[in-house]
């Protein structure tokens, strides 16, 4: 009961191989995560820029409508 069985050692070995084995699996995973975060942030910035541009277009159209309505009431 005090010692590990063969199954415990096999599981530990499998975990060690996954973490440290091969051609930098963890570093490549972290690189992929970083790329995902970067693209997510870029997507948020693009969306904010699109919203700001749409808001400006709406404000421009509204100011033009107010101007044209003012000119119609003067005539």
N, C-alpha and C. Protein backbone atom coordinates (compact mmCIF):
# COMPACT_ATOMS: atom_id res chain seq x y z
N UNK A 1 0.80 -1.19 0.00
CA UNK A 1 0.00 0.00 0.00
C UNK A 1 0.85 1.26 0.00
N UNK A 2 2.04 1.17 0.57
CA UNK A 2 2.90 2.34 0.65
C UNK A 2 3.62 2.64 -0.64
N UNK A 3 3.85 1.63 -1.47
CA UNK A 3 4.60 1.83 -2.72
C UNK A 3 3.63 1.97 -3.88
N UNK A 4 4.15 2.57 -4.95
CA UNK A 4 3.34 2.70 -6.15
C UNK A 4 3.31 1.38 -6.90
N UNK A 5 2.18 1.11 -7.53
CA UNK A 5 2.08 -0.09 -8.35
C UNK A 5 2.61 0.20 -9.75
N UNK A 6 2.66 -0.78 -10.58
CA UNK A 6 3.15 -0.61 -11.95
C UNK A 6 2.27 0.36 -12.73
N UNK A 7 0.97 0.38 -12.45
CA UNK A 7 0.05 1.29 -13.15
C UNK A 7 0.33 2.74 -12.80
N UNK A 8 0.65 2.98 -11.55
CA UNK A 8 0.99 4.35 -11.15
C UNK A 8 2.24 4.83 -11.90
N UNK A 9 3.27 3.96 -11.98
CA UNK A 9 4.49 4.34 -12.67
C UNK A 9 4.25 4.53 -14.16
N UNK A 10 3.38 3.74 -14.76
CA UNK A 10 3.08 3.90 -16.18
C UNK A 10 2.37 5.22 -16.45
N UNK A 11 1.48 5.59 -15.57
CA UNK A 11 0.77 6.87 -15.72
C UNK A 11 1.74 8.03 -15.57
N UNK A 12 2.62 7.96 -14.57
CA UNK A 12 3.62 9.01 -14.37
C UNK A 12 4.53 9.10 -15.59
N UNK A 13 4.96 7.97 -16.11
CA UNK A 13 5.81 7.95 -17.30
C UNK A 13 5.09 8.57 -18.51
N UNK A 14 3.83 8.26 -18.67
CA UNK A 14 3.06 8.82 -19.79
C UNK A 14 2.95 10.34 -19.67
N UNK A 15 2.71 10.83 -18.46
CA UNK A 15 2.61 12.28 -18.24
C UNK A 15 3.94 12.95 -18.53
N UNK A 16 5.03 12.35 -18.06
CA UNK A 16 6.36 12.92 -18.30
C UNK A 16 6.67 12.94 -19.80
N UNK A 17 6.32 11.88 -20.51
CA UNK A 17 6.57 11.85 -21.95
C UNK A 17 5.74 12.90 -22.69
N UNK A 18 4.52 13.10 -22.27
CA UNK A 18 3.68 14.11 -22.92
C UNK A 18 4.24 15.51 -22.66
N UNK A 19 4.67 15.77 -21.44
CA UNK A 19 5.16 17.10 -21.10
C UNK A 19 6.54 17.39 -21.70
N UNK A 20 7.45 16.44 -21.64
CA UNK A 20 8.83 16.72 -22.01
C UNK A 20 9.32 15.97 -23.24
N UNK A 21 8.53 15.09 -23.77
CA UNK A 21 8.99 14.28 -24.88
C UNK A 21 8.83 14.97 -26.21
N UNK A 22 9.61 14.55 -27.16
CA UNK A 22 9.44 15.01 -28.53
C UNK A 22 9.97 16.40 -28.77
N UNK A 23 9.52 16.97 -29.85
CA UNK A 23 10.05 18.24 -30.34
C UNK A 23 9.32 19.43 -29.74
N UNK A 24 9.44 19.64 -28.46
CA UNK A 24 8.89 20.83 -27.82
C UNK A 24 7.38 20.93 -27.93
N UNK A 25 6.67 19.92 -27.54
CA UNK A 25 5.22 19.92 -27.68
C UNK A 25 4.58 21.04 -26.87
N UNK A 26 5.08 21.24 -25.65
CA UNK A 26 4.49 22.28 -24.79
C UNK A 26 4.75 23.66 -25.38
N UNK A 27 5.98 23.91 -25.86
CA UNK A 27 6.26 25.23 -26.42
C UNK A 27 5.44 25.48 -27.69
N UNK A 28 5.22 24.45 -28.48
CA UNK A 28 4.39 24.65 -29.68
C UNK A 28 2.94 24.87 -29.29
N UNK A 29 2.47 24.20 -28.25
CA UNK A 29 1.11 24.44 -27.78
C UNK A 29 0.95 25.86 -27.26
N UNK A 30 1.94 26.33 -26.50
CA UNK A 30 1.87 27.69 -25.97
C UNK A 30 1.94 28.71 -27.10
N UNK A 31 2.72 28.40 -28.13
CA UNK A 31 2.78 29.29 -29.30
C UNK A 31 1.43 29.38 -29.99
N UNK A 32 0.76 28.25 -30.10
CA UNK A 32 -0.57 28.25 -30.72
C UNK A 32 -1.57 29.03 -29.87
N UNK A 33 -1.47 28.90 -28.56
CA UNK A 33 -2.36 29.65 -27.67
C UNK A 33 -2.10 31.15 -27.82
N UNK A 34 -0.82 31.52 -27.88
CA UNK A 34 -0.47 32.94 -28.04
C UNK A 34 -1.00 33.49 -29.36
N UNK A 35 -0.89 32.72 -30.43
CA UNK A 35 -1.41 33.17 -31.73
C UNK A 35 -2.92 33.35 -31.67
N UNK A 36 -3.60 32.44 -30.97
CA UNK A 36 -5.05 32.56 -30.82
C UNK A 36 -5.44 33.81 -30.06
N UNK A 37 -4.71 34.11 -29.00
CA UNK A 37 -5.01 35.32 -28.21
C UNK A 37 -4.77 36.57 -29.04
N UNK A 38 -3.66 36.58 -29.81
CA UNK A 38 -3.37 37.74 -30.65
C UNK A 38 -4.47 37.97 -31.68
N UNK A 39 -4.90 36.89 -32.33
CA UNK A 39 -5.94 37.05 -33.35
C UNK A 39 -7.27 37.47 -32.72
N UNK A 40 -7.54 37.01 -31.51
CA UNK A 40 -8.75 37.42 -30.81
C UNK A 40 -8.71 38.92 -30.51
N UNK A 41 -7.57 39.40 -30.01
CA UNK A 41 -7.45 40.83 -29.72
C UNK A 41 -7.54 41.67 -30.98
N UNK A 42 -6.94 41.18 -32.06
CA UNK A 42 -7.02 41.90 -33.33
C UNK A 42 -8.46 41.96 -33.82
N UNK A 43 -9.18 40.87 -33.66
CA UNK A 43 -10.60 40.85 -34.05
C UNK A 43 -11.42 41.84 -33.25
N UNK A 44 -11.11 41.97 -31.97
CA UNK A 44 -11.82 42.95 -31.14
C UNK A 44 -11.51 44.37 -31.60
N UNK A 45 -10.25 44.65 -31.93
CA UNK A 45 -9.88 45.98 -32.40
C UNK A 45 -10.57 46.30 -33.72
N UNK A 46 -10.58 45.33 -34.62
CA UNK A 46 -11.23 45.54 -35.92
C UNK A 46 -12.71 45.83 -35.73
N UNK A 47 -13.34 45.12 -34.81
CA UNK A 47 -14.77 45.33 -34.56
C UNK A 47 -15.01 46.72 -33.98
N UNK A 48 -14.15 47.16 -33.06
CA UNK A 48 -14.30 48.49 -32.48
C UNK A 48 -14.14 49.57 -33.54
N UNK A 49 -13.18 49.37 -34.47
CA UNK A 49 -12.99 50.33 -35.55
C UNK A 49 -14.21 50.37 -36.46
N UNK A 50 -14.77 49.22 -36.76
CA UNK A 50 -15.97 49.16 -37.60
C UNK A 50 -17.14 49.88 -36.94
N UNK A 51 -17.29 49.68 -35.64
CA UNK A 51 -18.38 50.34 -34.91
C UNK A 51 -18.17 51.85 -34.91
N UNK A 52 -16.93 52.30 -34.71
CA UNK A 52 -16.65 53.74 -34.70
C UNK A 52 -16.91 54.34 -36.07
N UNK A 53 -16.54 53.64 -37.13
CA UNK A 53 -16.77 54.14 -38.47
C UNK A 53 -18.27 54.21 -38.77
N UNK A 54 -19.02 53.20 -38.38
CA UNK A 54 -20.46 53.21 -38.61
C UNK A 54 -21.13 54.33 -37.83
N UNK A 55 -20.66 54.56 -36.59
CA UNK A 55 -21.23 55.64 -35.77
C UNK A 55 -20.97 56.99 -36.43
N UNK A 56 -19.76 57.18 -36.99
CA UNK A 56 -19.43 58.44 -37.65
C UNK A 56 -20.31 58.64 -38.88
N UNK A 57 -20.53 57.58 -39.66
CA UNK A 57 -21.38 57.68 -40.84
C UNK A 57 -22.81 58.04 -40.45
N UNK A 58 -23.31 57.46 -39.39
CA UNK A 58 -24.68 57.77 -38.94
C UNK A 58 -24.77 59.21 -38.48
N UNK A 59 -23.76 59.68 -37.74
CA UNK A 59 -23.77 61.06 -37.27
C UNK A 59 -23.71 62.04 -38.44
N UNK A 60 -22.91 61.70 -39.47
CA UNK A 60 -22.82 62.56 -40.65
C UNK A 60 -24.16 62.64 -41.37
N UNK A 61 -24.80 61.50 -41.54
CA UNK A 61 -26.11 61.49 -42.20
C UNK A 61 -27.16 62.24 -41.39
N UNK A 62 -27.08 62.10 -40.07
CA UNK A 62 -28.04 62.81 -39.22
C UNK A 62 -27.83 64.31 -39.31
N UNK A 63 -26.58 64.75 -39.31
CA UNK A 63 -26.34 66.20 -39.40
C UNK A 63 -26.76 66.74 -40.76
N UNK A 64 -26.57 65.96 -41.82
CA UNK A 64 -27.04 66.38 -43.14
C UNK A 64 -28.56 66.47 -43.17
N UNK A 65 -29.23 65.53 -42.53
CA UNK A 65 -30.69 65.55 -42.49
C UNK A 65 -31.20 66.76 -41.72
N UNK A 66 -30.52 67.09 -40.62
CA UNK A 66 -30.92 68.27 -39.84
C UNK A 66 -30.72 69.53 -40.66
N UNK A 67 -29.60 69.62 -41.39
CA UNK A 67 -29.33 70.80 -42.21
C UNK A 67 -30.38 70.94 -43.31
N UNK A 68 -30.69 69.83 -43.98
CA UNK A 68 -31.66 69.91 -45.07
C UNK A 68 -33.06 70.22 -44.54
N UNK A 69 -33.38 69.72 -43.34
CA UNK A 69 -34.68 70.03 -42.76
C UNK A 69 -34.74 71.51 -42.39
N UNK A 70 -33.63 72.07 -41.92
CA UNK A 70 -33.58 73.50 -41.58
C UNK A 70 -33.73 74.37 -42.80
N UNK A 71 -33.13 73.95 -43.92
CA UNK A 71 -33.25 74.71 -45.15
C UNK A 71 -34.68 74.67 -45.70
N UNK A 72 -35.35 73.55 -45.53
CA UNK A 72 -36.72 73.41 -46.03
C UNK A 72 -37.66 74.31 -45.24
N UNK A 73 -37.43 74.46 -43.94
CA UNK A 73 -38.32 75.30 -43.14
C UNK A 73 -38.09 76.78 -43.42
N UNK A 74 -36.89 77.16 -43.86
CA UNK A 74 -36.60 78.56 -44.18
C UNK A 74 -37.26 78.97 -45.49
N UNK A 75 -37.45 78.02 -46.41
CA UNK A 75 -37.99 78.41 -47.71
C UNK A 75 -39.47 78.49 -47.72
